[in-house]
C-alpha atoms as a PDB file:
ATOM      1  CA  UNK A   1       0.000   0.000   0.000  1.00  0.00           C
ATOM      2  CA  UNK A   2       1.547   3.357  -0.995  1.00  0.00           C
ATOM      3  CA  UNK A   3       2.789   5.358   1.968  1.00  0.00           C
ATOM      4  CA  UNK A   4       2.616   2.420   4.401  1.00  0.00           C
ATOM      5  CA  UNK A   5       5.657   1.308   6.385  1.00  0.00           C
ATOM      6  CA  UNK A   6       5.666  -1.928   8.366  1.00  0.00           C
ATOM      7  CA  UNK A   7       9.365  -2.640   9.080  1.00  0.00           C
ATOM      8  CA  UNK A   8      11.613  -1.082  11.699  1.00  0.00           C
ATOM      9  CA  UNK A   9      15.321  -1.391  12.400  1.00  0.00           C
ATOM     10  CA  UNK A  10      16.790  -0.978  15.891  1.00  0.00           C
ATOM     11  CA  UNK A  11      20.617  -0.855  15.988  1.00  0.00           C
ATOM     12  CA  UNK A  12      21.978  -2.173  19.306  1.00  0.00           C
ATOM     13  CA  UNK A  13      25.589  -3.101  18.508  1.00  0.00           C
ATOM     14  CA  UNK A  14      27.353  -0.278  20.392  1.00  0.00           C
ATOM     15  CA  UNK A  15      29.605  -0.919  23.414  1.00  0.00           C
ATOM     16  CA  UNK A  16      27.941   1.545  25.795  1.00  0.00           C
ATOM     17  CA  UNK A  17      31.305   2.934  26.927  1.00  0.00           C
ATOM     18  CA  UNK A  18      29.746   6.009  28.552  1.00  0.00           C
ATOM     19  CA  UNK A  19      27.930   3.696  30.982  1.00  0.00           C
ATOM     20  CA  UNK A  20      30.904   1.545  31.991  1.00  0.00           C
ATOM     21  CA  UNK A  21      31.569  -0.432  34.127  1.00  0.00           C
ATOM     22  CA  UNK A  22      28.015  -1.818  34.256  1.00  0.00           C
ATOM     23  CA  UNK A  23      27.956  -2.295  30.475  1.00  0.00           C
ATOM     24  CA  UNK A  24      31.009  -4.558  30.564  1.00  0.00           C
ATOM     25  CA  UNK A  25      28.693  -7.557  30.873  1.00  0.00           C
ATOM     26  CA  UNK A  26      25.222  -6.036  30.426  1.00  0.00           C
ATOM     27  CA  UNK A  27      24.070  -4.476  27.142  1.00  0.00           C
ATOM     28  CA  UNK A  28      23.220  -0.816  27.746  1.00  0.00           C
ATOM     29  CA  UNK A  29      19.881  -1.381  25.982  1.00  0.00           C
ATOM     30  CA  UNK A  30      18.957  -3.899  28.711  1.00  0.00           C
ATOM     31  CA  UNK A  31      19.564  -1.539  31.625  1.00  0.00           C
ATOM     32  CA  UNK A  32      16.216  -1.054  33.375  1.00  0.00           C
ATOM     33  CA  UNK A  33      14.031   2.005  33.377  1.00  0.00           C
ATOM     34  CA  UNK A  34      12.084   1.208  36.532  1.00  0.00           C
ATOM     35  CA  UNK A  35      11.102  -2.416  35.834  1.00  0.00           C
ATOM     36  CA  UNK A  36      11.654  -2.981  32.122  1.00  0.00           C
ATOM     37  CA  UNK A  37      14.727  -2.607  29.907  1.00  0.00           C
ATOM     38  CA  UNK A  38      15.188   0.645  28.007  1.00  0.00           C
ATOM     39  CA  UNK A  39      14.946  -1.112  24.655  1.00  0.00           C
ATOM     40  CA  UNK A  40      11.447  -2.363  25.469  1.00  0.00           C
ATOM     41  CA  UNK A  41      10.101   1.197  25.428  1.00  0.00           C
ATOM     42  CA  UNK A  42      11.477   1.606  21.910  1.00  0.00           C
ATOM     43  CA  UNK A  43       9.986  -1.696  20.749  1.00  0.00           C
ATOM     44  CA  UNK A  44       6.639  -0.718  22.276  1.00  0.00           C
ATOM     45  CA  UNK A  45       6.741   2.580  20.378  1.00  0.00           C
ATOM     46  CA  UNK A  46       7.395   0.691  17.127  1.00  0.00           C
ATOM     47  CA  UNK A  47       4.527  -1.724  17.791  1.00  0.00           C
ATOM     48  CA  UNK A  48       2.132   1.089  18.774  1.00  0.00           C
ATOM     49  CA  UNK A  49       3.054   2.792  15.489  1.00  0.00           C
ATOM     50  CA  UNK A  50       1.996  -0.233  13.437  1.00  0.00           C
ATOM     51  CA  UNK A  51       5.324  -1.959  12.830  1.00  0.00           C
ATOM     52  CA  UNK A  52       4.858  -5.644  12.007  1.00  0.00           C
ATOM     53  CA  UNK A  53       8.524  -6.708  11.835  1.00  0.00           C
ATOM     54  CA  UNK A  54      11.588  -5.462  13.713  1.00  0.00           C
ATOM     55  CA  UNK A  55      15.231  -6.145  12.913  1.00  0.00           C
ATOM     56  CA  UNK A  56      17.773  -5.783  15.697  1.00  0.00           C
ATOM     57  CA  UNK A  57      21.279  -5.060  14.430  1.00  0.00           C
ATOM     58  CA  UNK A  58      23.275  -6.669  17.228  1.00  0.00           C
ATOM     59  CA  UNK A  59      26.918  -7.261  18.079  1.00  0.00           C
ATOM     60  CA  UNK A  60      29.111  -9.215  20.420  1.00  0.00           C
ATOM     61  CA  UNK A  61      27.747  -9.456  23.967  1.00  0.00           C
ATOM     62  CA  UNK A  62      24.143  -8.684  23.030  1.00  0.00           C
ATOM     63  CA  UNK A  63      22.679 -12.146  23.553  1.00  0.00           C
ATOM     64  CA  UNK A  64      20.592 -10.884  26.482  1.00  0.00           C
ATOM     65  CA  UNK A  65      18.454  -8.876  24.035  1.00  0.00           C
ATOM     66  CA  UNK A  66      17.654 -11.974  21.985  1.00  0.00           C
ATOM     67  CA  UNK A  67      16.818 -13.948  25.122  1.00  0.00           C
ATOM     68  CA  UNK A  68      14.589 -11.184  26.458  1.00  0.00           C
ATOM     69  CA  UNK A  69      12.417 -11.050  23.354  1.00  0.00           C
ATOM     70  CA  UNK A  70      11.956 -14.817  23.350  1.00  0.00           C
ATOM     71  CA  UNK A  71       9.724 -17.159  25.328  1.00  0.00           C
ATOM     72  CA  UNK A  72      11.037 -18.068  28.797  1.00  0.00           C
ATOM     73  CA  UNK A  73       9.343 -21.446  29.142  1.00  0.00           C
ATOM     74  CA  UNK A  74      10.449 -22.310  32.689  1.00  0.00           C
ATOM     75  CA  UNK A  75       9.593 -18.858  34.038  1.00  0.00           C
ATOM     76  CA  UNK A  76       6.212 -18.799  32.303  1.00  0.00           C
ATOM     77  CA  UNK A  77       5.344 -22.265  33.618  1.00  0.00           C
ATOM     78  CA  UNK A  78       6.281 -21.174  37.129  1.00  0.00           C
ATOM     79  CA  UNK A  79       4.121 -18.044  36.905  1.00  0.00           C
ATOM     80  CA  UNK A  80       1.203 -20.078  35.560  1.00  0.00           C
ATOM     81  CA  UNK A  81       1.540 -22.690  38.316  1.00  0.00           C
ATOM     82  CA  UNK A  82       1.508 -19.937  40.935  1.00  0.00           C
ATOM     83  CA  UNK A  83      -1.540 -18.251  39.432  1.00  0.00           C
ATOM     84  CA  UNK A  84       0.397 -15.065  38.572  1.00  0.00           C
ATOM     85  CA  UNK A  85      -1.689 -14.498  35.453  1.00  0.00           C
ATOM     86  CA  UNK A  86      -1.257 -10.727  35.302  1.00  0.00           C
ATOM     87  CA  UNK A  87       2.526 -10.976  35.488  1.00  0.00           C
ATOM     88  CA  UNK A  88       2.510 -13.834  32.973  1.00  0.00           C
ATOM     89  CA  UNK A  89       0.534 -11.684  30.542  1.00  0.00           C
ATOM     90  CA  UNK A  90       3.047  -8.842  30.975  1.00  0.00           C
ATOM     91  CA  UNK A  91       5.993 -11.178  30.280  1.00  0.00           C
ATOM     92  CA  UNK A  92       4.372 -12.618  27.155  1.00  0.00           C
ATOM     93  CA  UNK A  93       2.877  -9.418  25.770  1.00  0.00           C
ATOM     94  CA  UNK A  94       5.937  -7.924  24.119  1.00  0.00           C
ATOM     95  CA  UNK A  95       7.137 -11.316  22.815  1.00  0.00           C
ATOM     96  CA  UNK A  96       3.863 -11.885  20.977  1.00  0.00           C
ATOM     97  CA  UNK A  97       3.363  -8.321  19.743  1.00  0.00           C
ATOM     98  CA  UNK A  98       5.690  -8.342  16.725  1.00  0.00           C
ATOM     99  CA  UNK A  99       7.958 -10.540  14.584  1.00  0.00           C
ATOM    100  CA  UNK A 100      11.572  -9.977  15.595  1.00  0.00           C
ATOM    101  CA  UNK A 101      14.688 -10.764  13.563  1.00  0.00           C
ATOM    102  CA  UNK A 102      18.402 -10.353  14.183  1.00  0.00           C
ATOM    103  CA  UNK A 103      21.507  -9.629  12.147  1.00  0.00           C
ATOM    104  CA  UNK A 104      24.989  -9.123  13.535  1.00  0.00           C
ATOM    105  CA  UNK A 105      27.240  -6.157  12.913  1.00  0.00           C
ATOM    106  CA  UNK A 106      30.575  -7.918  13.307  1.00  0.00           C
ATOM    107  CA  UNK A 107      32.493  -4.725  14.061  1.00  0.00           C
ATOM    108  CA  UNK A 108      30.921  -1.515  15.436  1.00  0.00           C
ATOM    109  CA  UNK A 109      31.637   0.764  12.480  1.00  0.00           C
ATOM    110  CA  UNK A 110      29.025   3.412  13.105  1.00  0.00           C
ATOM    111  CA  UNK A 111      25.317   3.962  12.637  1.00  0.00           C
ATOM    112  CA  UNK A 112      25.607   4.109   8.852  1.00  0.00           C
ATOM    113  CA  UNK A 113      27.169   0.659   8.762  1.00  0.00           C
ATOM    114  CA  UNK A 114      24.542  -0.694  11.187  1.00  0.00           C
ATOM    115  CA  UNK A 115      21.712   0.575   8.979  1.00  0.00           C
ATOM    116  CA  UNK A 116      23.369  -0.939   5.900  1.00  0.00           C
ATOM    117  CA  UNK A 117      23.022  -4.390   7.519  1.00  0.00           C
ATOM    118  CA  UNK A 118      19.254  -4.077   7.146  1.00  0.00           C
ATOM    119  CA  UNK A 119      19.295  -4.079   3.338  1.00  0.00           C
ATOM    120  CA  UNK A 120      18.220  -7.708   2.976  1.00  0.00           C
ATOM    121  CA  UNK A 121      15.523  -7.250   5.606  1.00  0.00           C
ATOM    122  CA  UNK A 122      13.799  -4.212   4.092  1.00  0.00           C
ATOM    123  CA  UNK A 123      14.426  -4.897   0.387  1.00  0.00           C
ATOM    124  CA  UNK A 124      13.009  -2.113  -1.767  1.00  0.00           C
ATOM    125  CA  UNK A 125      10.732  -0.666   0.913  1.00  0.00           C
ATOM    126  CA  UNK A 126      10.932   2.437   3.031  1.00  0.00           C
ATOM    127  CA  UNK A 127      11.512   1.654   6.699  1.00  0.00           C
ATOM    128  CA  UNK A 128      11.859   3.160  10.157  1.00  0.00           C
ATOM    129  CA  UNK A 129      14.977   3.342  12.316  1.00  0.00           C
ATOM    130  CA  UNK A 130      14.690   3.793  16.074  1.00  0.00           C
ATOM    131  CA  UNK A 131      17.703   4.250  18.342  1.00  0.00           C
ATOM    132  CA  UNK A 132      17.475   2.576  21.729  1.00  0.00           C
ATOM    133  CA  UNK A 133      19.405   5.424  23.400  1.00  0.00           C
ATOM    134  CA  UNK A 134      16.493   7.765  22.741  1.00  0.00           C
ATOM    135  CA  UNK A 135      13.266   7.209  24.658  1.00  0.00           C
ATOM    136  CA  UNK A 136      10.365   9.501  23.760  1.00  0.00           C
ATOM    137  CA  UNK A 137       7.229   9.789  25.860  1.00  0.00           C
ATOM    138  CA  UNK A 138       4.159  11.098  24.052  1.00  0.00           C
ATOM    139  CA  UNK A 139       0.426  10.291  23.945  1.00  0.00           C
ATOM    140  CA  UNK A 140       0.880   9.766  20.191  1.00  0.00           C
ATOM    141  CA  UNK A 141       4.133   7.847  19.625  1.00  0.00           C
ATOM    142  CA  UNK A 142       6.839   9.891  17.934  1.00  0.00           C
ATOM    143  CA  UNK A 143       7.131   7.354  15.115  1.00  0.00           C
ATOM    144  CA  UNK A 144       3.363   7.489  14.539  1.00  0.00           C
ATOM    145  CA  UNK A 145       3.575  11.257  14.175  1.00  0.00           C
ATOM    146  CA  UNK A 146       6.275  10.840  11.530  1.00  0.00           C
ATOM    147  CA  UNK A 147       4.403   8.086   9.705  1.00  0.00           C
ATOM    148  CA  UNK A 148       1.414  10.396   9.310  1.00  0.00           C
ATOM    149  CA  UNK A 149       3.665  12.860   7.511  1.00  0.00           C
ATOM    150  CA  UNK A 150       5.158  10.118   5.352  1.00  0.00           C
ATOM    151  CA  UNK A 151       1.701   8.920   4.341  1.00  0.00           C
ATOM    152  CA  UNK A 152       0.942  12.405   3.002  1.00  0.00           C
ATOM    153  CA  UNK A 153       4.295  12.812   1.255  1.00  0.00           C
ATOM    154  CA  UNK A 154       6.707   9.874   0.995  1.00  0.00           C
ATOM    155  CA  UNK A 155      10.162  11.320   1.693  1.00  0.00           C
ATOM    156  CA  UNK A 156      12.979  11.050   4.204  1.00  0.00           C
ATOM    157  CA  UNK A 157      11.978  12.166   7.713  1.00  0.00           C
ATOM    158  CA  UNK A 158      14.211  12.861  10.708  1.00  0.00           C
ATOM    159  CA  UNK A 159      12.937  13.509  14.217  1.00  0.00           C
ATOM    160  CA  UNK A 160      14.357  16.736  15.633  1.00  0.00           C
ATOM    161  CA  UNK A 161      14.271  18.906  18.715  1.00  0.00           C
ATOM    162  CA  UNK A 162      15.864  22.205  19.788  1.00  0.00           C
ATOM    163  CA  UNK A 163      18.822  21.822  22.148  1.00  0.00           C
ATOM    164  CA  UNK A 164      20.670  24.392  24.319  1.00  0.00           C
ATOM    165  CA  UNK A 165      23.767  25.981  22.720  1.00  0.00           C
ATOM    166  CA  UNK A 166      26.113  24.101  25.065  1.00  0.00           C
ATOM    167  CA  UNK A 167      24.771  20.762  23.741  1.00  0.00           C
ATOM    168  CA  UNK A 168      24.916  21.527  20.007  1.00  0.00           C
ATOM    169  CA  UNK A 169      28.354  19.917  19.585  1.00  0.00           C
ATOM    170  CA  UNK A 170      26.971  16.590  20.878  1.00  0.00           C
ATOM    171  CA  UNK A 171      24.366  16.166  18.116  1.00  0.00           C
ATOM    172  CA  UNK A 172      23.829  16.005  14.395  1.00  0.00           C
ATOM    173  CA  UNK A 173      22.408  19.437  13.538  1.00  0.00           C
ATOM    174  CA  UNK A 174      20.110  20.416  10.668  1.00  0.00           C
ATOM    175  CA  UNK A 175      19.901  23.508   8.553  1.00  0.00           C
ATOM    176  CA  UNK A 176      16.362  23.841   7.252  1.00  0.00           C
ATOM    177  CA  UNK A 177      13.492  26.020   6.158  1.00  0.00           C
ATOM    178  CA  UNK A 178      10.233  25.790   8.099  1.00  0.00           C
ATOM    179  CA  UNK A 179       7.508  24.786   5.641  1.00  0.00           C
ATOM    180  CA  UNK A 180       4.730  24.248   8.188  1.00  0.00           C
ATOM    181  CA  UNK A 181       4.538  24.303  11.985  1.00  0.00           C
ATOM    182  CA  UNK A 182       7.264  21.992  13.387  1.00  0.00           C
ATOM    183  CA  UNK A 183       8.256  20.732   9.912  1.00  0.00           C
ATOM    184  CA  UNK A 184      11.477  21.803   8.191  1.00  0.00           C
ATOM    185  CA  UNK A 185      12.733  21.097   4.689  1.00  0.00           C
ATOM    186  CA  UNK A 186      16.318  19.990   5.288  1.00  0.00           C
ATOM    187  CA  UNK A 187      18.970  21.977   3.404  1.00  0.00           C
ATOM    188  CA  UNK A 188      22.068  20.640   5.148  1.00  0.00           C
ATOM    189  CA  UNK A 189      23.205  18.322   7.951  1.00  0.00           C
ATOM    190  CA  UNK A 190      26.282  18.722  10.113  1.00  0.00           C
ATOM    191  CA  UNK A 191      27.549  16.054  12.505  1.00  0.00           C
ATOM    192  CA  UNK A 192      28.492  17.450  15.947  1.00  0.00           C
ATOM    193  CA  UNK A 193      29.591  20.959  14.889  1.00  0.00           C
ATOM    194  CA  UNK A 194      31.205  23.496  17.217  1.00  0.00           C
ATOM    195  CA  UNK A 195      28.466  25.844  18.396  1.00  0.00           C
ATOM    196  CA  UNK A 196      29.913  28.783  16.457  1.00  0.00           C
ATOM    197  CA  UNK A 197      29.689  26.763  13.212  1.00  0.00           C
ATOM    198  CA  UNK A 198      26.282  25.190  13.796  1.00  0.00           C
ATOM    199  CA  UNK A 199      23.594  26.215  11.265  1.00  0.00           C
ATOM    200  CA  UNK A 200      20.859  25.986  13.946  1.00  0.00           C
ATOM    201  CA  UNK A 201      20.092  24.420  17.313  1.00  0.00           C
ATOM    202  CA  UNK A 202      17.809  21.741  15.829  1.00  0.00           C
ATOM    203  CA  UNK A 203      19.278  18.356  16.698  1.00  0.00           C
ATOM    204  CA  UNK A 204      18.527  15.031  15.018  1.00  0.00           C
ATOM    205  CA  UNK A 205      16.973  12.632  17.539  1.00  0.00           C
ATOM    206  CA  UNK A 206      17.000   8.847  17.132  1.00  0.00           C
ATOM    207  CA  UNK A 207      13.940   8.352  14.909  1.00  0.00           C
ATOM    208  CA  UNK A 208      14.197   8.165  11.125  1.00  0.00           C
ATOM    209  CA  UNK A 209      12.047   7.197   8.177  1.00  0.00           C
ATOM    210  CA  UNK A 210      14.374   6.176   5.367  1.00  0.00           C
ATOM    211  CA  UNK A 211      13.890   5.227   1.754  1.00  0.00           C
ATOM    212  CA  UNK A 212      15.885   2.355   0.209  1.00  0.00           C
ATOM    213  CA  UNK A 213      18.167   4.786  -1.640  1.00  0.00           C
ATOM    214  CA  UNK A 214      19.942   5.200   1.710  1.00  0.00           C
ATOM    215  CA  UNK A 215      21.805   1.923   1.134  1.00  0.00           C
ATOM    216  CA  UNK A 216      23.589   3.107  -1.998  1.00  0.00           C
ATOM    217  CA  UNK A 217      24.364   6.376  -0.263  1.00  0.00           C
ATOM    218  CA  UNK A 218      25.990   4.527   2.652  1.00  0.00           C
ATOM    219  CA  UNK A 219      28.063   2.431   0.241  1.00  0.00           C
ATOM    220  CA  UNK A 220      29.497   5.616  -1.309  1.00  0.00           C
ATOM    221  CA  UNK A 221      30.580   7.497   1.817  1.00  0.00           C
ATOM    222  CA  UNK A 222      34.012   7.253   3.416  1.00  0.00           C
ATOM    223  CA  UNK A 223      34.623   6.417   7.067  1.00  0.00           C
ATOM    224  CA  UNK A 224      34.859   9.433   9.313  1.00  0.00           C
ATOM    225  CA  UNK A 225      36.128   9.878  12.849  1.00  0.00           C
ATOM    226  CA  UNK A 226      37.113   6.566  14.459  1.00  0.00           C
ATOM    227  CA  UNK A 227      36.718   4.759  11.149  1.00  0.00           C
ATOM    228  CA  UNK A 228      32.919   4.889  11.442  1.00  0.00           C
ATOM    229  CA  UNK A 229      30.373   5.326   8.679  1.00  0.00           C
ATOM    230  CA  UNK A 230      28.093   8.166   9.734  1.00  0.00           C
ATOM    231  CA  UNK A 231      24.427   7.969   8.771  1.00  0.00           C
ATOM    232  CA  UNK A 232      24.401  11.779   8.763  1.00  0.00           C
ATOM    233  CA  UNK A 233      27.016  11.807   5.963  1.00  0.00           C
ATOM    234  CA  UNK A 234      24.944   9.397   3.869  1.00  0.00           C
ATOM    235  CA  UNK A 235      21.796  11.460   4.374  1.00  0.00           C
ATOM    236  CA  UNK A 236      23.644  14.633   3.484  1.00  0.00           C
ATOM    237  CA  UNK A 237      24.834  13.089   0.212  1.00  0.00           C
ATOM    238  CA  UNK A 238      21.192  12.528  -0.805  1.00  0.00           C
ATOM    239  CA  UNK A 239      20.009  16.098  -0.322  1.00  0.00           C
ATOM    240  CA  UNK A 240      20.528  17.094  -3.954  1.00  0.00           C
ATOM    241  CA  UNK A 241      18.193  14.376  -5.220  1.00  0.00           C
ATOM    242  CA  UNK A 242      15.785  13.527  -2.383  1.00  0.00           C
ATOM    243  CA  UNK A 243      13.315  15.551  -0.320  1.00  0.00           C
ATOM    244  CA  UNK A 244      14.159  15.339   3.338  1.00  0.00           C
ATOM    245  CA  UNK A 245      12.265  16.784   6.290  1.00  0.00           C
ATOM    246  CA  UNK A 246      13.059  17.312   9.944  1.00  0.00           C
ATOM    247  CA  UNK A 247      10.072  17.132  12.255  1.00  0.00           C
ATOM    248  CA  UNK A 248      10.031  18.633  15.742  1.00  0.00           C
ATOM    249  CA  UNK A 249       7.949  15.969  17.411  1.00  0.00           C
ATOM    250  CA  UNK A 250       5.451  16.417  20.199  1.00  0.00           C
ATOM    251  CA  UNK A 251       6.695  14.635  23.308  1.00  0.00           C
ATOM    252  CA  UNK A 252       9.365  14.450  25.989  1.00  0.00           C
ATOM    253  CA  UNK A 253      12.790  13.080  25.070  1.00  0.00           C
ATOM    254  CA  UNK A 254      15.022  11.105  27.433  1.00  0.00           C
ATOM    255  CA  UNK A 255      18.532  10.069  26.488  1.00  0.00           C
ATOM    256  CA  UNK A 256      19.818   6.970  28.246  1.00  0.00           C
ATOM    257  CA  UNK A 257      23.277   6.722  26.684  1.00  0.00           C
ATOM    258  CA  UNK A 258      25.194   8.335  29.566  1.00  0.00           C
ATOM    259  CA  UNK A 259      25.011   8.105  33.342  1.00  0.00           C
ATOM    260  CA  UNK A 260      23.331  11.368  34.276  1.00  0.00           C
ATOM    261  CA  UNK A 261      20.731  11.036  31.493  1.00  0.00           C
ATOM    262  CA  UNK A 262      20.029   7.469  32.558  1.00  0.00           C
ATOM    263  CA  UNK A 263      19.497   8.528  36.179  1.00  0.00           C
ATOM    264  CA  UNK A 264      17.162  11.354  35.139  1.00  0.00           C
ATOM    265  CA  UNK A 265      15.172   9.008  32.901  1.00  0.00           C
ATOM    266  CA  UNK A 266      14.671   6.498  35.731  1.00  0.00           C
ATOM    267  CA  UNK A 267      13.296   9.179  38.034  1.00  0.00           C
ATOM    268  CA  UNK A 268      11.028  10.608  35.327  1.00  0.00           C
ATOM    269  CA  UNK A 269       9.659   7.204  34.343  1.00  0.00           C
ATOM    270  CA  UNK A 270       9.070   6.207  37.969  1.00  0.00           C
ATOM    271  CA  UNK A 271       7.119   9.436  38.533  1.00  0.00           C
ATOM    272  CA  UNK A 272       4.876   8.452  35.603  1.00  0.00           C
ATOM    273  CA  UNK A 273       3.788   5.346  37.526  1.00  0.00           C
ATOM    274  CA  UNK A 274       0.929   5.825  39.957  1.00  0.00           C
ATOM    275  CA  UNK A 275       2.188   3.175  42.400  1.00  0.00           C
ATOM    276  CA  UNK A 276       5.600   4.863  42.725  1.00  0.00           C
ATOM    277  CA  UNK A 277       4.773   8.553  42.324  1.00  0.00           C
ATOM    278  CA  UNK A 278       3.981   9.640  45.885  1.00  0.00           C
ATOM    279  CA  UNK A 279       6.559   7.496  47.730  1.00  0.00           C
ATOM    280  CA  UNK A 280       9.266   8.654  45.310  1.00  0.00           C
ATOM    281  CA  UNK A 281       8.260  12.322  45.615  1.00  0.00           C
ATOM    282  CA  UNK A 282       8.439  12.070  49.398  1.00  0.00           C
ATOM    283  CA  UNK A 283      11.867  10.455  49.187  1.00  0.00           C
ATOM    284  CA  UNK A 284      13.202  13.097  46.778  1.00  0.00           C
ATOM    285  CA  UNK A 285      11.954  15.932  48.993  1.00  0.00           C
ATOM    286  CA  UNK A 286      13.599  14.197  51.964  1.00  0.00           C
ATOM    287  CA  UNK A 287      16.935  13.962  50.173  1.00  0.00           C
ATOM    288  CA  UNK A 288      16.795  17.541  48.929  1.00  0.00           C
ATOM    289  CA  UNK A 289      15.848  18.806  52.394  1.00  0.00           C
ATOM    290  CA  UNK A 290      18.760  16.943  53.996  1.00  0.00           C
ATOM    291  CA  UNK A 291      21.221  18.278  51.412  1.00  0.00           C
ATOM    292  CA  UNK A 292      19.919  21.821  51.896  1.00  0.00           C
ATOM    293  CA  UNK A 293      20.419  21.822  55.673  1.00  0.00           C
END
């Protein structure tokens, strides 16, 4: 069906060095936000947005992700025998929600290389990419918002948000012309520029809708810093021949790729839960009061 996308790619091959030492043996994507791994929130967003198949691009040490999104027969039998039906349903829900596939990125050579591993999975279809470091809370999933735009005009779409000047050098930054509220026609992309060279403060966040021409573009770019193939460079090379939009999504973004962001995300997600909200608020006020004395 024209304008319909049903496949998503979630790259999870990175080492998680900014979260060491815990990520020495535990994939960063499996670190919990309250009581479920960070990557589950991303999978749930994909499923809520209508994705029917998901490809994880994995790497060495990521077996826990494959095990998590599989049936745990012994655990499920134990829950059933104990009459823990509600918990059993929660454990099974995400496993049964979508078809999941895996391909390995043998060496972590950047996001561009990770996306290129999906070529056989997506074929000649447009597809979504969701980064597990970026969790977005919104009544309408961020990917759903982008898919609505794609359905009206099939093109490349990048999720974006304004960032403070001091954070510009940590992001891919877009130069664009606003064509409607929150939607920008992309004119240029710059990966992690110094603030004085940045064309704007609009940062690319980890949600993309890509057309299959991205694969040829990735094959033509040269490795950049650290020998990595940057997805931003491949996207930039397509600007002369493809329409590309950046969309400032509606929702709250949480990064979980570094320690302070991960801690903030855990507190924010716990405060979203009715059973934790008041006890956690009381505890936080207690701590802040003690520190202020």
